[in-house]
Protein backbone atom coordinates (compact mmCIF):
# COMPACT_ATOMS: atom_id res chain seq x y z
CA UNK A 1 -10.44 18.16 -13.11
CA UNK A 2 -10.04 15.68 -10.38
CA UNK A 3 -11.77 17.53 -7.65
CA UNK A 4 -12.83 14.78 -5.43
CA UNK A 5 -8.93 13.36 -5.43
CA UNK A 6 -7.78 16.74 -3.96
CA UNK A 7 -10.35 16.16 -1.03
CA UNK A 8 -9.19 12.49 -0.59
CA UNK A 9 -5.80 13.17 -0.59
CA UNK A 10 -5.22 13.55 2.81
CA UNK A 11 -6.99 10.10 3.79
CA UNK A 12 -5.01 8.28 1.27
CA UNK A 13 -1.12 10.13 2.54
CA UNK A 14 -2.50 8.77 6.37
CA UNK A 15 -3.52 5.08 4.51
CA UNK A 16 0.21 5.07 2.94
CA UNK A 17 2.12 5.96 5.88
CA UNK A 18 0.04 3.55 7.83
CA UNK A 19 0.72 0.82 5.28
CA UNK A 20 4.64 1.83 4.95
CA UNK A 21 4.64 1.67 8.63
CA UNK A 22 3.55 -1.95 8.93
CA UNK A 23 5.25 -3.02 6.03
CA UNK A 24 8.68 -1.87 7.52
CA UNK A 25 7.62 -4.13 10.63
CA UNK A 26 7.29 -7.38 8.40
CA UNK A 27 10.48 -10.07 8.30
CA UNK A 28 11.65 -10.83 4.43
CA UNK A 29 9.80 -14.26 4.38
CA UNK A 30 6.51 -12.07 5.30
CA UNK A 31 7.08 -9.18 3.05
CA UNK A 32 8.45 -12.11 -0.01
CA UNK A 33 4.61 -13.92 0.82
CA UNK A 34 2.68 -10.28 0.63
CA UNK A 35 4.89 -9.03 -2.82
CA UNK A 36 3.84 -12.89 -4.32
CA UNK A 37 0.48 -12.32 -3.13
CA UNK A 38 -0.24 -8.93 -4.55
CA UNK A 39 1.49 -10.38 -7.84
CA UNK A 40 -1.05 -13.04 -7.87
CA UNK A 41 -3.62 -10.29 -7.39
CA UNK A 42 -2.17 -8.41 -10.06
CA UNK A 43 -1.90 -5.44 -7.92
CA UNK A 44 1.41 -5.31 -8.80
CA UNK A 45 2.36 -5.80 -12.29
């Protein structure tokens, strides 16, 4: 049962919206740098 997940869901959605907005403002080189950094840190597989 994920009782704590439902109460955290609004905060999670807020953070996802903030990240999406910020990512949409990045240039292609910035986006590529972010991508490779996340891959190197194993956040993206």
